[in-house]
C-alpha atoms as a PDB file:
ATOM      1  CA  MET A   1      72.463  21.463 137.837  1.00  0.00           C
ATOM      2  CA  GLN A   2      74.224  19.296 135.288  1.00  0.00           C
ATOM      3  CA  VAL A   3      75.342  20.822 132.014  1.00  0.00           C
ATOM      4  CA  SER A   4      74.871  18.761 128.907  1.00  0.00           C
ATOM      5  CA  PRO A   5      76.617  20.606 126.095  1.00  0.00           C
ATOM      6  CA  VAL A   6      75.310  18.379 123.310  1.00  0.00           C
ATOM      7  CA  ALA A   7      72.211  16.247 123.445  1.00  0.00           C
ATOM      8  CA  THR A   8      69.760  15.209 120.785  1.00  0.00           C
ATOM      9  CA  VAL A   9      66.223  15.629 122.055  1.00  0.00           C
ATOM     10  CA  PRO A  10      62.920  14.561 120.512  1.00  0.00           C
ATOM     11  CA  GLU A  11      61.206  16.881 118.087  1.00  0.00           C
ATOM     12  CA  ASP A  12      58.482  19.029 119.681  1.00  0.00           C
ATOM     13  CA  TYR A  13      59.993  18.632 123.149  1.00  0.00           C
ATOM     14  CA  GLU A  14      59.221  22.324 123.756  1.00  0.00           C
ATOM     15  CA  SER A  15      55.494  21.595 123.798  1.00  0.00           C
ATOM     16  CA  ARG A  16      55.995  19.153 126.681  1.00  0.00           C
ATOM     17  CA  LEU A  17      58.338  21.113 128.930  1.00  0.00           C
ATOM     18  CA  VAL A  18      57.356  20.877 132.581  1.00  0.00           C
ATOM     19  CA  GLU A  19      57.565  23.874 134.901  1.00  0.00           C
ATOM     20  CA  LEU A  20      59.327  23.290 138.191  1.00  0.00           C
ATOM     21  CA  PHE A  21      58.064  25.310 141.147  1.00  0.00           C
ATOM     22  CA  PRO A  22      55.145  26.978 139.339  1.00  0.00           C
ATOM     23  CA  GLY A  23      54.152  30.254 140.966  1.00  0.00           C
ATOM     24  CA  GLU A  24      57.134  30.311 143.319  1.00  0.00           C
ATOM     25  CA  PHE A  25      58.981  33.112 141.571  1.00  0.00           C
ATOM     26  CA  ASP A  26      57.714  36.386 140.177  1.00  0.00           C
ATOM     27  CA  LYS A  27      60.048  36.661 137.204  1.00  0.00           C
ATOM     28  CA  LEU A  28      61.599  33.235 136.821  1.00  0.00           C
ATOM     29  CA  ARG A  29      60.259  30.079 135.241  1.00  0.00           C
ATOM     30  CA  ILE A  30      62.299  26.903 135.321  1.00  0.00           C
ATOM     31  CA  LEU A  31      61.322  24.486 132.572  1.00  0.00           C
ATOM     32  CA  VAL A  32      62.653  20.957 132.206  1.00  0.00           C
ATOM     33  CA  LEU A  33      62.205  18.076 129.786  1.00  0.00           C
ATOM     34  CA  ASP A  34      59.426  15.663 130.624  1.00  0.00           C
ATOM     35  CA  ALA A  35      60.568  12.218 131.777  1.00  0.00           C
ATOM     36  CA  TYR A  36      60.268  10.570 128.343  1.00  0.00           C
ATOM     37  CA  ASP A  37      62.196  13.320 126.555  1.00  0.00           C
ATOM     38  CA  LEU A  38      64.853  13.354 129.268  1.00  0.00           C
ATOM     39  CA  ALA A  39      65.308   9.595 128.951  1.00  0.00           C
ATOM     40  CA  LEU A  40      65.489   9.749 125.167  1.00  0.00           C
ATOM     41  CA  SER A  41      68.071  12.534 125.336  1.00  0.00           C
ATOM     42  CA  LYS A  42      70.392   9.931 126.901  1.00  0.00           C
ATOM     43  CA  LEU A  43      69.933   7.287 124.214  1.00  0.00           C
ATOM     44  CA  GLU A  44      72.629   8.407 121.799  1.00  0.00           C
ATOM     45  CA  ARG A  45      75.383   8.432 124.439  1.00  0.00           C
ATOM     46  CA  ASN A  46      74.081   5.386 126.351  1.00  0.00           C
ATOM     47  CA  ALA A  47      76.751   5.402 129.064  1.00  0.00           C
ATOM     48  CA  GLU A  48      76.218   3.253 132.169  1.00  0.00           C
ATOM     49  CA  ILE A  49      75.027   6.298 134.123  1.00  0.00           C
ATOM     50  CA  ASP A  50      72.474   6.981 131.380  1.00  0.00           C
ATOM     51  CA  VAL A  51      71.070   3.461 131.654  1.00  0.00           C
ATOM     52  CA  GLU A  52      70.763   3.864 135.433  1.00  0.00           C
ATOM     53  CA  ASP A  53      69.068   7.244 134.960  1.00  0.00           C
ATOM     54  CA  VAL A  54      66.566   5.760 132.516  1.00  0.00           C
ATOM     55  CA  LYS A  55      65.774   2.891 134.886  1.00  0.00           C
ATOM     56  CA  HIS A  56      65.144   5.416 137.651  1.00  0.00           C
ATOM     57  CA  LEU A  57      62.991   7.611 135.406  1.00  0.00           C
ATOM     58  CA  ALA A  58      60.962   4.595 134.292  1.00  0.00           C
ATOM     59  CA  ARG A  59      60.248   3.739 137.939  1.00  0.00           C
ATOM     60  CA  ALA A  60      59.538   7.273 139.091  1.00  0.00           C
ATOM     61  CA  ALA A  61      57.411   8.320 136.105  1.00  0.00           C
ATOM     62  CA  LYS A  62      55.832   4.885 135.586  1.00  0.00           C
ATOM     63  CA  PHE A  63      56.726   4.935 131.905  1.00  0.00           C
ATOM     64  CA  ASP A  64      54.278   3.724 129.321  1.00  0.00           C
ATOM     65  CA  LEU A  65      56.792   1.848 127.200  1.00  0.00           C
ATOM     66  CA  ASP A  66      54.662   2.273 124.079  1.00  0.00           C
ATOM     67  CA  VAL A  67      54.874   6.067 124.476  1.00  0.00           C
ATOM     68  CA  LEU A  68      58.647   5.828 124.906  1.00  0.00           C
ATOM     69  CA  ALA A  69      59.048   3.673 121.782  1.00  0.00           C
ATOM     70  CA  ASP A  70      56.641   5.767 119.716  1.00  0.00           C
ATOM     71  CA  ARG A  71      58.323   9.029 120.628  1.00  0.00           C
ATOM     72  CA  TYR A  72      61.698   7.475 119.801  1.00  0.00           C
ATOM     73  CA  ARG A  73      60.573   6.304 116.354  1.00  0.00           C
ATOM     74  CA  LYS A  74      58.694   9.447 115.358  1.00  0.00           C
ATOM     75  CA  GLU A  75      60.574  12.264 117.078  1.00  0.00           C
ATOM     76  CA  LEU A  76      64.138  11.207 117.838  1.00  0.00           C
ATOM     77  CA  ARG A  77      65.366   8.484 115.486  1.00  0.00           C
ATOM     78  CA  PRO A  78      65.395  10.680 112.362  1.00  0.00           C
ATOM     79  CA  PHE A  79      67.813  13.104 114.052  1.00  0.00           C
ATOM     80  CA  LEU A  80      70.346  10.718 115.590  1.00  0.00           C
ATOM     81  CA  THR A  81      73.836  10.326 114.193  1.00  0.00           C
ATOM     82  CA  GLY A  82      75.429   6.966 113.589  1.00  0.00           C
ATOM     83  CA  PRO A  83      73.882   3.639 112.642  1.00  0.00           C
ATOM     84  CA  GLU A  84      70.128   3.517 113.218  1.00  0.00           C
ATOM     85  CA  ALA A  85      70.347  -0.192 114.093  1.00  0.00           C
ATOM     86  CA  LYS A  86      72.607   0.653 117.049  1.00  0.00           C
ATOM     87  CA  HIS A  87      70.100   3.136 118.469  1.00  0.00           C
ATOM     88  CA  ASP A  88      67.191   0.777 117.808  1.00  0.00           C
ATOM     89  CA  LEU A  89      69.020  -1.928 119.752  1.00  0.00           C
ATOM     90  CA  THR A  90      69.743   0.472 122.606  1.00  0.00           C
ATOM     91  CA  LEU A  91      66.051   1.297 122.941  1.00  0.00           C
ATOM     92  CA  GLU A  92      65.118  -2.402 122.781  1.00  0.00           C
ATOM     93  CA  LEU A  93      67.623  -3.201 125.533  1.00  0.00           C
ATOM     94  CA  TRP A  94      66.322  -0.346 127.677  1.00  0.00           C
ATOM     95  CA  ILE A  95      62.752  -1.576 127.299  1.00  0.00           C
ATOM     96  CA  GLU A  96      63.767  -5.150 128.158  1.00  0.00           C
ATOM     97  CA  THR A  97      65.647  -3.893 131.224  1.00  0.00           C
ATOM     98  CA  ILE A  98      62.642  -1.877 132.390  1.00  0.00           C
ATOM     99  CA  LYS A  99      60.337  -4.875 131.884  1.00  0.00           C
ATOM    100  CA  GLU A 100      62.709  -7.106 133.884  1.00  0.00           C
ATOM    101  CA  GLN A 101      62.870  -4.492 136.636  1.00  0.00           C
ATOM    102  CA  ARG A 102      59.068  -4.387 136.764  1.00  0.00           C
ATOM    103  CA  ALA A 103      58.810  -8.175 136.826  1.00  0.00           C
ATOM    104  CA  GLN A 104      61.107  -8.218 139.858  1.00  0.00           C
ATOM    105  CA  GLY A 105      58.837  -5.786 141.652  1.00  0.00           C
ATOM    106  CA  GLY A 106      60.828  -2.660 140.860  1.00  0.00           C
ATOM    107  CA  ALA A 107      57.708  -0.921 139.432  1.00  0.00           C
END
């Protein structure tokens, strides 16, 4: 488990939480962010490890880049700190990177 003390997540993320190991435990439910919300939670920090995580998530979850961009604009952007243009550019660079990865056969 990795602790993330501060992360900005998209609005309404609770409605999309995914249960890990459903039915495995009698009194415990483990809920995690869906792949899009997890990726977007890394946007504000945008460290190298975050970029690598997003590339992996995009491959594993077969991101619909329109969903990623739409969720960013509607549910995350209004809550981010700092210059909006910086975050917009980060998302654009992520999308370009994912497209390049796909073009090279990285799914």
